[in-house]
C-alpha atoms as a PDB file:
ATOM      1  CA  GLY A   1      37.080  99.747 141.252  1.00  0.00           C
ATOM      2  CA  SER A   2      37.794 100.925 137.778  1.00  0.00           C
ATOM      3  CA  THR A   3      39.358  98.729 135.194  1.00  0.00           C
ATOM      4  CA  HIS A   4      41.952  99.660 132.599  1.00  0.00           C
ATOM      5  CA  THR A   5      42.138  97.814 129.326  1.00  0.00           C
ATOM      6  CA  MET A   6      45.664  97.389 127.935  1.00  0.00           C
ATOM      7  CA  LYS A   7      46.010  97.556 124.182  1.00  0.00           C
ATOM      8  CA  PRO A   8      47.974  94.659 122.781  1.00  0.00           C
ATOM      9  CA  ALA A   9      51.451  95.581 121.686  1.00  0.00           C
ATOM     10  CA  HIS A  10      51.632  96.174 117.974  1.00  0.00           C
ATOM     11  CA  LYS A  11      54.033  93.862 116.222  1.00  0.00           C
ATOM     12  CA  ASP A  12      56.111  95.674 113.670  1.00  0.00           C
ATOM     13  CA  GLY A  13      56.313  92.651 111.406  1.00  0.00           C
ATOM     14  CA  GLY A  14      59.389  93.992 109.713  1.00  0.00           C
ATOM     15  CA  GLY A  15      57.852  97.411 109.140  1.00  0.00           C
ATOM     16  CA  PHE A  16      60.977  99.186 110.373  1.00  0.00           C
ATOM     17  CA  LEU A  17      63.202  97.376 107.914  1.00  0.00           C
ATOM     18  CA  ARG A  18      60.719  98.028 105.125  1.00  0.00           C
ATOM     19  CA  LYS A  19      61.029 101.755 105.795  1.00  0.00           C
ATOM     20  CA  LEU A  20      64.743 101.673 105.029  1.00  0.00           C
ATOM     21  CA  PRO A  21      65.185 102.932 101.442  1.00  0.00           C
ATOM     22  CA  LEU A  22      67.248 100.074  99.998  1.00  0.00           C
ATOM     23  CA  VAL A  23      65.520  97.291 101.944  1.00  0.00           C
ATOM     24  CA  GLY A  24      62.075  98.649 101.177  1.00  0.00           C
ATOM     25  CA  ASP A  25      62.807  98.900  97.468  1.00  0.00           C
ATOM     26  CA  ILE A  26      64.119  95.334  97.335  1.00  0.00           C
ATOM     27  CA  VAL A  27      61.173  93.912  99.317  1.00  0.00           C
ATOM     28  CA  ASN A  28      58.682  95.654  97.042  1.00  0.00           C
ATOM     29  CA  MET A  29      60.295  94.391  93.837  1.00  0.00           C
ATOM     30  CA  PRO A  30      58.458  91.630  91.920  1.00  0.00           C
ATOM     31  CA  VAL A  31      59.992  88.187  92.332  1.00  0.00           C
ATOM     32  CA  ARG A  32      60.876  87.967  88.633  1.00  0.00           C
ATOM     33  CA  GLU A  33      62.693  91.298  88.798  1.00  0.00           C
ATOM     34  CA  VAL A  34      64.593  90.266  91.932  1.00  0.00           C
ATOM     35  CA  LEU A  35      65.753  87.082  90.188  1.00  0.00           C
ATOM     36  CA  LEU A  36      66.838  89.105  87.165  1.00  0.00           C
ATOM     37  CA  GLN A  37      68.884  91.470  89.334  1.00  0.00           C
ATOM     38  CA  VAL A  38      70.450  88.545  91.207  1.00  0.00           C
ATOM     39  CA  LEU A  39      71.454  87.072  87.835  1.00  0.00           C
ATOM     40  CA  GLN A  40      73.019  90.393  86.840  1.00  0.00           C
ATOM     41  CA  LEU A  41      74.948  90.488  90.126  1.00  0.00           C
ATOM     42  CA  ALA A  42      76.225  86.966  89.477  1.00  0.00           C
ATOM     43  CA  MET A  43      77.343  88.048  85.995  1.00  0.00           C
ATOM     44  CA  VAL A  44      79.270  90.981  87.487  1.00  0.00           C
ATOM     45  CA  VAL A  45      81.031  88.637  89.917  1.00  0.00           C
ATOM     46  CA  CYS A  46      81.844  86.141  87.154  1.00  0.00           C
ATOM     47  CA  SER A  47      83.184  88.928  84.931  1.00  0.00           C
ATOM     48  CA  ALA A  48      85.466  90.113  87.748  1.00  0.00           C
ATOM     49  CA  LEU A  49      86.758  86.561  88.254  1.00  0.00           C
ATOM     50  CA  ALA A  50      87.357  86.198  84.506  1.00  0.00           C
ATOM     51  CA  VAL A  51      89.365  89.440  84.441  1.00  0.00           C
ATOM     52  CA  TRP A  52      91.422  88.237  87.414  1.00  0.00           C
ATOM     53  CA  LYS A  53      92.094  84.887  85.731  1.00  0.00           C
ATOM     54  CA  ALA A  54      93.188  86.681  82.558  1.00  0.00           C
ATOM     55  CA  LEU A  55      95.616  88.787  84.596  1.00  0.00           C
ATOM     56  CA  VAL A  56      97.020  85.623  86.182  1.00  0.00           C
ATOM     57  CA  VAL A  57      97.611  84.045  82.776  1.00  0.00           C
ATOM     58  CA  VAL A  58      99.132  87.161  81.170  1.00  0.00           C
ATOM     59  CA  SER A  59     101.372  88.041  84.136  1.00  0.00           C
ATOM     60  CA  GLY A  60     102.450  84.494  84.952  1.00  0.00           C
ATOM     61  CA  SER A  61     101.831  85.263  88.641  1.00  0.00           C
ATOM     62  CA  ASP A  62      99.193  83.669  90.869  1.00  0.00           C
ATOM     63  CA  SER A  63      98.723  87.093  92.488  1.00  0.00           C
ATOM     64  CA  PRO A  64      99.291  89.739  89.803  1.00  0.00           C
ATOM     65  CA  VAL A  65      98.020  92.561  92.025  1.00  0.00           C
ATOM     66  CA  VAL A  66      99.036  93.058  95.675  1.00  0.00           C
ATOM     67  CA  VAL A  67      98.818  95.841  98.251  1.00  0.00           C
ATOM     68  CA  VAL A  68     101.765  97.032 100.358  1.00  0.00           C
ATOM     69  CA  LEU A  69     100.883  96.410 104.011  1.00  0.00           C
ATOM     70  CA  SER A  70     103.974  97.706 105.828  1.00  0.00           C
ATOM     71  CA  GLY A  71     106.496 100.525 105.654  1.00  0.00           C
ATOM     72  CA  SER A  72     109.578  98.336 105.172  1.00  0.00           C
ATOM     73  CA  MET A  73     110.004  99.480 101.554  1.00  0.00           C
ATOM     74  CA  GLU A  74     109.782 103.230 102.151  1.00  0.00           C
ATOM     75  CA  PRO A  75     110.515 105.531 100.434  1.00  0.00           C
ATOM     76  CA  ALA A  76     110.104 103.416  97.261  1.00  0.00           C
ATOM     77  CA  PHE A  77     106.629 102.242  98.263  1.00  0.00           C
ATOM     78  CA  GLN A  78     104.227 103.466 100.920  1.00  0.00           C
ATOM     79  CA  ARG A  79     101.709 101.468 102.904  1.00  0.00           C
ATOM     80  CA  GLY A  80      98.588 101.172 100.754  1.00  0.00           C
ATOM     81  CA  ASP A  81     100.328 101.319  97.370  1.00  0.00           C
ATOM     82  CA  LEU A  82      98.976  98.902  94.755  1.00  0.00           C
ATOM     83  CA  LEU A  83     101.638  96.796  92.996  1.00  0.00           C
ATOM     84  CA  LEU A  84     101.385  95.124  89.587  1.00  0.00           C
ATOM     85  CA  LEU A  85     103.461  91.958  89.194  1.00  0.00           C
ATOM     86  CA  THR A  86     104.743  89.603  86.535  1.00  0.00           C
ATOM     87  CA  HIS A  87     106.549  86.333  87.057  1.00  0.00           C
ATOM     88  CA  ALA A  88     108.558  84.412  84.478  1.00  0.00           C
ATOM     89  CA  LYS A  89     109.482  81.049  85.976  1.00  0.00           C
ATOM     90  CA  ALA A  90     113.234  80.734  86.416  1.00  0.00           C
ATOM     91  CA  ARG A  91     114.897  78.231  84.097  1.00  0.00           C
ATOM     92  CA  ARG A  92     117.296  75.798  85.662  1.00  0.00           C
ATOM     93  CA  ALA A  93     120.622  75.638  83.825  1.00  0.00           C
ATOM     94  CA  THR A  94     121.359  72.195  82.411  1.00  0.00           C
ATOM     95  CA  HIS A  95     125.132  72.558  82.081  1.00  0.00           C
ATOM     96  CA  SER A  96     127.833  74.970  83.197  1.00  0.00           C
ATOM     97  CA  SER A  97     127.934  76.937  79.925  1.00  0.00           C
ATOM     98  CA  GLU A  98     124.344  78.092  80.614  1.00  0.00           C
ATOM     99  CA  TYR A  99     125.149  79.525  84.034  1.00  0.00           C
ATOM    100  CA  LEU A 100     124.553  83.253  84.123  1.00  0.00           C
ATOM    101  CA  LYS A 101     126.675  85.734  86.021  1.00  0.00           C
ATOM    102  CA  ASP A 102     125.923  86.324  89.657  1.00  0.00           C
ATOM    103  CA  GLY A 103     123.584  89.285  89.974  1.00  0.00           C
ATOM    104  CA  GLU A 104     121.555  88.513  86.851  1.00  0.00           C
ATOM    105  CA  ALA A 105     120.615  84.857  87.178  1.00  0.00           C
ATOM    106  CA  ASN A 106     117.622  83.650  85.179  1.00  0.00           C
ATOM    107  CA  GLY A 107     115.899  86.998  84.834  1.00  0.00           C
ATOM    108  CA  TYR A 108     116.433  88.204  88.408  1.00  0.00           C
ATOM    109  CA  GLN A 109     118.730  91.165  88.950  1.00  0.00           C
ATOM    110  CA  VAL A 110     120.074  92.923  92.005  1.00  0.00           C
ATOM    111  CA  GLY A 111     117.775  95.868  92.593  1.00  0.00           C
ATOM    112  CA  ASP A 112     114.589  94.117  91.450  1.00  0.00           C
ATOM    113  CA  ILE A 113     111.706  94.365  93.912  1.00  0.00           C
ATOM    114  CA  ILE A 114     109.902  91.056  94.354  1.00  0.00           C
ATOM    115  CA  VAL A 115     106.927  89.755  96.304  1.00  0.00           C
ATOM    116  CA  PHE A 116     107.587  86.439  98.027  1.00  0.00           C
ATOM    117  CA  THR A 117     106.120  84.054 100.561  1.00  0.00           C
ATOM    118  CA  LEU A 118     107.735  82.185 103.447  1.00  0.00           C
ATOM    119  CA  ASP A 119     106.696  79.011 105.223  1.00  0.00           C
ATOM    120  CA  GLY A 120     104.612  79.830 108.280  1.00  0.00           C
ATOM    121  CA  ARG A 121     103.712  83.336 107.077  1.00  0.00           C
ATOM    122  CA  ASP A 122     100.321  84.011 105.534  1.00  0.00           C
ATOM    123  CA  ILE A 123     101.102  87.524 104.289  1.00  0.00           C
ATOM    124  CA  PRO A 124     103.491  87.951 101.327  1.00  0.00           C
ATOM    125  CA  ILE A 125     106.530  90.220 101.729  1.00  0.00           C
ATOM    126  CA  VAL A 126     107.609  92.984  99.332  1.00  0.00           C
ATOM    127  CA  HIS A 127     111.401  93.512  99.442  1.00  0.00           C
ATOM    128  CA  ARG A 128     114.342  94.272  97.154  1.00  0.00           C
ATOM    129  CA  ILE A 129     116.874  91.736  95.869  1.00  0.00           C
ATOM    130  CA  ILE A 130     120.363  92.584  97.121  1.00  0.00           C
ATOM    131  CA  ARG A 131     122.179  89.424  96.016  1.00  0.00           C
ATOM    132  CA  VAL A 132     121.533  86.879  93.274  1.00  0.00           C
ATOM    133  CA  HIS A 133     123.524  83.877  92.118  1.00  0.00           C
ATOM    134  CA  THR A 134     123.178  80.487  90.481  1.00  0.00           C
ATOM    135  CA  SER A 135     124.113  77.635  92.799  1.00  0.00           C
ATOM    136  CA  ALA A 136     126.273  74.659  91.825  1.00  0.00           C
ATOM    137  CA  ASP A 137     123.168  72.637  90.897  1.00  0.00           C
ATOM    138  CA  GLY A 138     121.926  75.384  88.576  1.00  0.00           C
ATOM    139  CA  ASN A 139     119.175  76.747  90.811  1.00  0.00           C
ATOM    140  CA  VAL A 140     118.609  80.477  91.349  1.00  0.00           C
ATOM    141  CA  LYS A 141     119.238  81.805  94.862  1.00  0.00           C
ATOM    142  CA  LEU A 142     118.083  85.224  96.096  1.00  0.00           C
ATOM    143  CA  LEU A 143     118.799  87.374  99.135  1.00  0.00           C
ATOM    144  CA  THR A 144     116.393  90.217  99.914  1.00  0.00           C
ATOM    145  CA  LYS A 145     116.124  93.246 102.165  1.00  0.00           C
ATOM    146  CA  GLY A 146     113.590  95.986 102.859  1.00  0.00           C
ATOM    147  CA  ASP A 147     114.830  99.443 101.843  1.00  0.00           C
ATOM    148  CA  TRP A 148     113.857 100.823 105.268  1.00  0.00           C
ATOM    149  CA  ASN A 149     115.466  97.925 107.165  1.00  0.00           C
ATOM    150  CA  LYS A 150     119.072  97.896 108.375  1.00  0.00           C
ATOM    151  CA  PHE A 151     119.650  94.177 107.858  1.00  0.00           C
ATOM    152  CA  ASP A 152     118.847  91.584 105.203  1.00  0.00           C
ATOM    153  CA  ASP A 153     115.939  89.134 105.487  1.00  0.00           C
ATOM    154  CA  ARG A 154     117.763  86.022 106.636  1.00  0.00           C
ATOM    155  CA  GLU A 155     116.176  86.370 110.068  1.00  0.00           C
ATOM    156  CA  LEU A 156     112.784  86.162 108.341  1.00  0.00           C
ATOM    157  CA  TYR A 157     113.622  83.050 106.320  1.00  0.00           C
ATOM    158  CA  GLY A 158     112.986  79.579 107.689  1.00  0.00           C
ATOM    159  CA  ARG A 159     115.369  77.719 109.955  1.00  0.00           C
ATOM    160  CA  ASN A 160     118.653  76.979 108.178  1.00  0.00           C
ATOM    161  CA  GLN A 161     117.403  78.868 105.115  1.00  0.00           C
ATOM    162  CA  LEU A 162     119.954  81.384 103.854  1.00  0.00           C
ATOM    163  CA  TRP A 163     118.411  82.127 100.463  1.00  0.00           C
ATOM    164  CA  LEU A 164     115.087  82.342  98.656  1.00  0.00           C
ATOM    165  CA  ASP A 165     114.533  80.277  95.551  1.00  0.00           C
ATOM    166  CA  ASP A 166     112.068  80.685  92.698  1.00  0.00           C
ATOM    167  CA  SER A 167     109.396  78.660  94.486  1.00  0.00           C
ATOM    168  CA  ASN A 168     109.150  81.436  97.095  1.00  0.00           C
ATOM    169  CA  VAL A 169     108.612  84.197  94.534  1.00  0.00           C
ATOM    170  CA  ILE A 170     105.099  85.375  93.629  1.00  0.00           C
ATOM    171  CA  GLY A 171     106.284  87.983  91.153  1.00  0.00           C
ATOM    172  CA  THR A 172     108.471  90.947  90.305  1.00  0.00           C
ATOM    173  CA  VAL A 173     107.056  94.454  90.694  1.00  0.00           C
ATOM    174  CA  ARG A 174     106.592  96.137  87.293  1.00  0.00           C
ATOM    175  CA  ALA A 175     104.428  99.134  88.223  1.00  0.00           C
ATOM    176  CA  HIS A 176     102.593 100.637  91.172  1.00  0.00           C
ATOM    177  CA  VAL A 177      99.674 102.952  91.869  1.00  0.00           C
ATOM    178  CA  PRO A 178     100.124 105.087  95.035  1.00  0.00           C
ATOM    179  CA  PHE A 179      97.688 104.724  97.946  1.00  0.00           C
ATOM    180  CA  ILE A 180      94.861 103.097  95.963  1.00  0.00           C
ATOM    181  CA  GLY A 181      95.081 100.035  98.199  1.00  0.00           C
ATOM    182  CA  GLN A 182      94.224 101.970 101.370  1.00  0.00           C
ATOM    183  CA  LEU A 183      90.593 100.853 101.049  1.00  0.00           C
ATOM    184  CA  THR A 184      91.700  97.218 101.037  1.00  0.00           C
ATOM    185  CA  ILE A 185      93.689  97.770 104.237  1.00  0.00           C
ATOM    186  CA  LEU A 186      90.726  99.514 105.883  1.00  0.00           C
ATOM    187  CA  LEU A 187      88.355  96.674 105.001  1.00  0.00           C
ATOM    188  CA  ASN A 188      90.786  93.948 106.122  1.00  0.00           C
ATOM    189  CA  GLU A 189      91.418  95.667 109.451  1.00  0.00           C
ATOM    190  CA  ASN A 190      87.687  96.278 110.044  1.00  0.00           C
ATOM    191  CA  PRO A 191      85.705  93.166 109.016  1.00  0.00           C
ATOM    192  CA  LYS A 192      82.373  94.734 110.035  1.00  0.00           C
ATOM    193  CA  ILE A 193      82.903  97.614 107.622  1.00  0.00           C
ATOM    194  CA  LYS A 194      83.797  95.086 104.921  1.00  0.00           C
ATOM    195  CA  PHE A 195      80.465  93.274 105.287  1.00  0.00           C
ATOM    196  CA  VAL A 196      78.524  96.555 105.348  1.00  0.00           C
ATOM    197  CA  VAL A 197      80.248  97.781 102.174  1.00  0.00           C
ATOM    198  CA  LEU A 198      79.733  94.452 100.379  1.00  0.00           C
ATOM    199  CA  GLY A 199      76.087  94.453 101.423  1.00  0.00           C
ATOM    200  CA  LEU A 200      75.561  97.986 100.118  1.00  0.00           C
ATOM    201  CA  ILE A 201      77.262  97.160  96.828  1.00  0.00           C
ATOM    202  CA  ALA A 202      75.052  94.082  96.391  1.00  0.00           C
ATOM    203  CA  ALA A 203      71.916  96.095  97.196  1.00  0.00           C
ATOM    204  CA  ILE A 204      72.855  98.856  94.757  1.00  0.00           C
ATOM    205  CA  VAL A 205      73.523  96.321  91.996  1.00  0.00           C
ATOM    206  CA  LEU A 206      70.167  94.663  92.677  1.00  0.00           C
ATOM    207  CA  LEU A 207      68.380  98.004  92.404  1.00  0.00           C
ATOM    208  CA  THR A 208      70.217  99.126  89.285  1.00  0.00           C
ATOM    209  CA  GLN A 209      68.194  98.503  86.167  1.00  0.00           C
ATOM    210  CA  GLU A 210      67.822 100.000  82.746  1.00  0.00           C
ATOM    211  CA  ARG A 211      64.971 102.427  82.576  1.00  0.00           C
END
């Protein structure tokens, strides 16, 4: 009978990946150049962190920039709007003559829009102050409500909590940029897309060099 010789399967050895434009360019780069580009990427990341830290210091808020994630503040803010915050820590009054009028206690005023956190909730809330007063012990107390909502936020607060205090507040909204935060929402809701985008950005930075 006749015999048939089978050719051994050819192992790609990463050839397919090498054919991809970005991957191929990176693989073919000299080691010294790759290290240089990695250093430049690290510098970009450090610069971004330095800018963020500067914003934290200047604004007085741990999160000076936040994105609106719900429609509870429509029509003032839409989902995806970017908010810029500042936060001046409330000063506790030391005697009765320092107490401010209800509605304008320690820098907070009825009508201000604040970003605040609640125990047991990971995502900050953006709502408007509808009542403000200084309690008998000199501490600021706040009641909030979403513009779109029918009722105030007491159902959102913790058990037996009727008011917010300054420790709950991240900052007061000073300005906003419409819809620019939509990309952040898209990436948070689709983690796979987030990793792809971050990977592409890193690859592009690695391949960017002065000619």
